[in-house]
Amino acid sequence: MSAGRRRTSFATPFIITVAATTSLPACSKAKEPAGNPPPPEFPGMKWSVRMKDMKCLANEQGPNPPPPRAIECPPGMSGSTTFLVGELTSNECGIVPQGCASTSCVKIRTPCPLPPGQQVVTRLANVWMIEKRDGKCHAEEGDVDDCPPGVDCNPPRPRYVPCPPGITEDTPMRVAELVDATCVIAPAGCMDTGCVGAKIACPSEQPASPE
């Protein structure tokens, strides 16, 4: 190296890494659009009512419902319809129209379901007393439990009918017609469907009435 020439040296650069202290905003999840709110429902207890064998049963709505309960058939009920019956008060119910979400839109009243285990009973309407005389049977219309044996008490004139099984001249038979046009044996003093007996053919007039 020649005299008088100055040597210049460079220091190793010092690198400082600075961590970022400002956090970046996290990716936010886009809000999913809210679905349609469920339609309003009738506020009280409600049952689906169906008819089977001329009797109506009320099935409580909801998960794990209890066994169906007997109920008096609502007005206009048939075997091909299903009615929604709702409770208006503790002892009053009505038919809930489709889309009805308030007691104010229940216009047709109907009895509430009976307590579990109870059955609907209705008063017997058409009743005959069948008696056997001289080997032939005749049916007198009306409730004639107090009519003396062998005496025709009430009009119209008795009609002769085929003798039902089990009848004798000493044991007349009281027969009642139900709402489904079938008949049952009704013991003496039985006034409603809660005490009727076995099914039996309804009294039908014979083609030729004996003199």
Protein backbone atom coordinates (compact mmCIF):
# COMPACT_ATOMS: atom_id res chain seq x y z
CA MET A 1 0.00 0.00 0.00
CA SER A 2 1.39 3.32 -0.93
CA ALA A 3 2.30 5.78 1.78
CA GLY A 4 -0.26 8.36 2.70
CA ARG A 5 -3.29 6.31 1.44
CA ARG A 6 -5.95 5.94 4.12
CA ARG A 7 -7.76 2.64 4.44
CA THR A 8 -11.47 2.89 5.02
CA SER A 9 -13.31 -0.05 6.67
CA PHE A 10 -17.10 -0.55 6.93
CA ALA A 11 -18.79 -2.02 9.99
CA THR A 12 -21.15 -4.94 9.68
CA PRO A 13 -24.68 -3.56 9.41
CA PHE A 14 -26.92 -4.10 12.51
CA ILE A 15 -30.37 -5.24 11.47
CA ILE A 16 -33.27 -4.72 13.85
CA THR A 17 -36.48 -6.62 13.29
CA VAL A 18 -39.50 -4.84 14.68
CA ALA A 19 -42.55 -6.98 15.39
CA ALA A 20 -45.80 -5.50 14.31
CA THR A 21 -47.80 -4.45 17.36
CA THR A 22 -50.93 -3.47 15.51
CA SER A 23 -53.21 -6.52 15.03
CA LEU A 24 -54.98 -6.80 11.77
CA PRO A 25 -58.73 -7.23 11.91
CA ALA A 26 -59.80 -10.87 11.88
CA CYS A 27 -61.84 -12.13 9.01
CA SER A 28 -65.44 -11.70 10.07
CA LYS A 29 -67.97 -14.38 9.12
CA ALA A 30 -70.73 -13.05 6.98
CA LYS A 31 -74.08 -13.17 8.73
CA GLU A 32 -76.39 -15.77 7.30
CA PRO A 33 -79.75 -14.45 6.28
CA ALA A 34 -82.39 -15.21 8.90
CA GLY A 35 -85.11 -17.64 7.84
CA ASN A 36 -88.80 -16.86 7.87
CA PRO A 37 -90.19 -16.77 11.43
CA PRO A 38 -92.54 -19.62 12.30
CA PRO A 39 -96.21 -18.76 11.86
CA PRO A 40 -98.09 -17.89 15.05
CA GLU A 41 -99.91 -20.76 16.68
CA PHE A 42 -103.07 -21.10 18.74
CA PRO A 43 -102.03 -20.25 22.31
CA GLY A 44 -103.85 -22.96 24.27
CA MET A 45 -104.04 -26.73 24.39
CA LYS A 46 -105.18 -28.32 21.15
CA TRP A 47 -106.15 -31.73 19.90
CA SER A 48 -106.57 -33.37 16.49
CA VAL A 49 -110.02 -34.98 16.46
CA ARG A 50 -110.93 -37.89 14.19
CA MET A 51 -113.97 -40.14 13.96
CA LYS A 52 -113.80 -43.93 13.91
CA ASP A 53 -116.76 -46.29 14.18
CA MET A 54 -119.04 -43.33 14.88
CA LYS A 55 -116.92 -42.35 17.91
CA CYS A 56 -114.50 -39.44 18.13
CA LEU A 57 -111.04 -39.44 19.67
CA ALA A 58 -108.87 -36.44 20.54
CA ASN A 59 -105.11 -36.77 20.06
CA GLU A 60 -102.97 -34.20 21.86
CA GLN A 61 -100.48 -32.47 19.59
CA GLY A 62 -96.75 -32.38 20.27
CA PRO A 63 -93.95 -34.91 20.82
CA ASN A 64 -94.69 -38.06 22.83
CA PRO A 65 -98.41 -37.38 23.19
CA PRO A 66 -100.46 -39.32 25.77
CA PRO A 67 -103.08 -41.86 24.65
CA PRO A 68 -106.08 -40.36 22.83
CA ARG A 69 -109.09 -39.26 24.86
CA ALA A 70 -112.78 -39.65 24.12
CA ILE A 71 -114.57 -36.51 22.99
CA GLU A 72 -118.09 -35.69 21.88
CA CYS A 73 -117.99 -35.39 18.09
CA PRO A 74 -117.81 -31.72 17.03
CA PRO A 75 -120.57 -30.30 14.80
CA GLY A 76 -120.15 -31.41 11.18
CA MET A 77 -117.77 -34.25 12.01
CA SER A 78 -117.55 -37.23 9.67
CA GLY A 79 -115.25 -40.14 9.09
CA SER A 80 -113.36 -38.27 6.36
CA THR A 81 -112.61 -35.05 8.27
CA THR A 82 -110.09 -34.01 10.90
CA PHE A 83 -110.84 -31.08 13.19
CA LEU A 84 -108.46 -29.11 15.39
CA VAL A 85 -110.09 -28.47 18.76
CA GLY A 86 -108.55 -25.89 21.08
CA GLU A 87 -109.09 -25.09 24.74
CA LEU A 88 -110.60 -21.65 25.32
CA THR A 89 -111.10 -21.89 29.10
CA SER A 90 -110.67 -24.68 31.62
CA ASN A 91 -114.01 -26.21 30.62
CA GLU A 92 -114.76 -24.79 27.17
CA CYS A 93 -113.33 -25.67 23.78
CA GLY A 94 -113.96 -24.80 20.16
CA ILE A 95 -113.05 -25.71 16.59
CA VAL A 96 -109.84 -23.89 15.60
CA PRO A 97 -109.92 -22.80 11.93
CA GLN A 98 -106.80 -23.15 9.80
CA GLY A 99 -104.40 -20.29 10.47
CA CYS A 100 -106.22 -19.21 13.65
CA ALA A 101 -103.72 -18.04 16.30
CA SER A 102 -106.09 -16.45 18.81
CA THR A 103 -109.17 -17.45 20.76
CA SER A 104 -111.00 -14.58 19.08
CA CYS A 105 -111.19 -16.45 15.76
CA VAL A 106 -112.76 -19.55 17.29
CA LYS A 107 -116.45 -19.20 16.49
CA ILE A 108 -117.85 -22.75 16.84
CA ARG A 109 -117.93 -24.11 20.38
CA THR A 110 -117.64 -27.83 21.10
CA PRO A 111 -117.13 -29.90 24.28
CA CYS A 112 -113.56 -30.50 25.46
CA PRO A 113 -112.04 -34.00 25.57
CA LEU A 114 -113.12 -36.09 28.53
CA PRO A 115 -110.66 -36.99 31.30
CA PRO A 116 -108.49 -40.04 30.51
CA GLY A 117 -110.42 -43.29 30.75
CA GLN A 118 -113.91 -41.77 30.51
CA GLN A 119 -116.20 -42.47 27.57
CA VAL A 120 -118.81 -40.33 25.86
CA VAL A 121 -122.37 -41.36 26.66
CA THR A 122 -125.42 -40.17 24.76
CA ARG A 123 -129.07 -40.53 25.57
CA LEU A 124 -130.89 -43.30 23.76
CA ALA A 125 -133.24 -41.86 21.16
CA ASN A 126 -134.97 -44.72 19.31
CA VAL A 127 -136.03 -47.53 21.62
CA TRP A 128 -138.28 -50.56 20.99
CA MET A 129 -139.76 -53.10 23.35
CA ILE A 130 -139.92 -56.48 21.61
CA GLU A 131 -142.38 -59.05 22.97
CA LYS A 132 -143.12 -62.59 21.89
CA ARG A 133 -146.73 -63.78 21.70
CA ASP A 134 -147.97 -67.07 20.30
CA GLY A 135 -144.58 -67.74 18.74
CA LYS A 136 -144.47 -64.36 16.95
CA CYS A 137 -142.60 -61.17 17.94
CA HIS A 138 -143.68 -57.57 17.64
CA ALA A 139 -141.80 -54.35 18.43
CA GLU A 140 -143.53 -51.45 20.11
CA GLU A 141 -141.79 -48.13 19.54
CA GLY A 142 -141.00 -45.97 22.54
CA ASP A 143 -139.81 -46.52 26.08
CA VAL A 144 -142.55 -48.73 27.48
CA ASP A 145 -140.86 -50.31 30.49
CA ASP A 146 -143.98 -49.55 32.57
CA CYS A 147 -146.41 -50.94 30.02
CA PRO A 148 -148.16 -54.13 31.23
CA PRO A 149 -147.02 -57.28 29.40
CA GLY A 150 -149.10 -58.11 26.37
CA VAL A 151 -150.68 -54.65 26.19
CA ASP A 152 -149.92 -52.17 23.39
CA CYS A 153 -149.63 -48.85 25.21
CA ASN A 154 -148.27 -46.34 22.75
CA PRO A 155 -148.99 -45.52 19.12
CA PRO A 156 -148.07 -46.26 16.38
CA ARG A 157 -149.41 -49.79 16.12
CA PRO A 158 -146.70 -52.37 16.91
CA ARG A 159 -144.99 -53.99 13.95
CA TYR A 160 -144.21 -57.66 13.68
CA VAL A 161 -140.50 -58.41 13.47
CA PRO A 162 -138.27 -61.48 13.33
CA CYS A 163 -137.74 -62.78 16.85
CA PRO A 164 -134.25 -61.93 18.13
CA PRO A 165 -132.13 -64.71 19.67
CA GLY A 166 -132.83 -65.35 23.33
CA ILE A 167 -136.30 -63.82 23.54
CA THR A 168 -139.14 -65.79 25.14
CA GLU A 169 -142.75 -65.01 25.98
CA ASP A 170 -141.65 -64.43 29.57
CA THR A 171 -138.58 -62.29 28.75
CA PRO A 172 -139.24 -59.29 26.49
CA MET A 173 -136.27 -57.48 25.01
CA ARG A 174 -135.56 -53.75 24.98
CA VAL A 175 -133.61 -52.66 21.89
CA ALA A 176 -132.12 -49.24 21.13
CA GLU A 177 -130.78 -47.74 17.92
CA LEU A 178 -127.43 -45.93 17.98
CA VAL A 179 -126.32 -42.97 15.87
CA ASP A 180 -124.61 -45.27 13.37
CA ALA A 181 -127.97 -47.01 12.65
CA THR A 182 -126.93 -50.18 14.47
CA CYS A 183 -128.86 -51.55 17.43
CA VAL A 184 -127.98 -52.87 20.87
CA ILE A 185 -129.77 -54.54 23.75
CA ALA A 186 -130.72 -51.91 26.34
CA PRO A 187 -131.47 -53.33 29.81
CA ALA A 188 -134.50 -52.03 31.69
CA GLY A 189 -133.78 -48.57 33.04
CA CYS A 190 -130.81 -47.98 30.72
CA MET A 191 -131.20 -44.50 29.26
CA ASP A 192 -127.83 -43.82 27.58
CA THR A 193 -125.03 -45.55 25.71
CA GLY A 194 -123.03 -46.05 28.90
CA CYS A 195 -125.11 -49.05 29.94
CA VAL A 196 -126.09 -50.77 26.69
CA GLY A 197 -125.36 -54.40 25.98
CA ALA A 198 -124.45 -56.49 22.97
CA LYS A 199 -125.15 -55.61 19.36
CA ILE A 200 -128.33 -56.98 17.85
CA ALA A 201 -130.18 -56.65 14.55
CA CYS A 202 -132.46 -53.65 14.44
CA PRO A 203 -136.21 -54.42 14.35
CA SER A 204 -137.25 -54.73 10.73
CA GLU A 205 -140.88 -55.27 9.81
CA GLN A 206 -141.69 -58.57 8.22
CA PRO A 207 -143.07 -58.46 4.66
CA ALA A 208 -146.41 -59.82 5.75
CA SER A 209 -147.75 -58.98 9.20
CA PRO A 210 -149.88 -61.75 10.68
CA GLU A 211 -153.45 -60.96 11.62
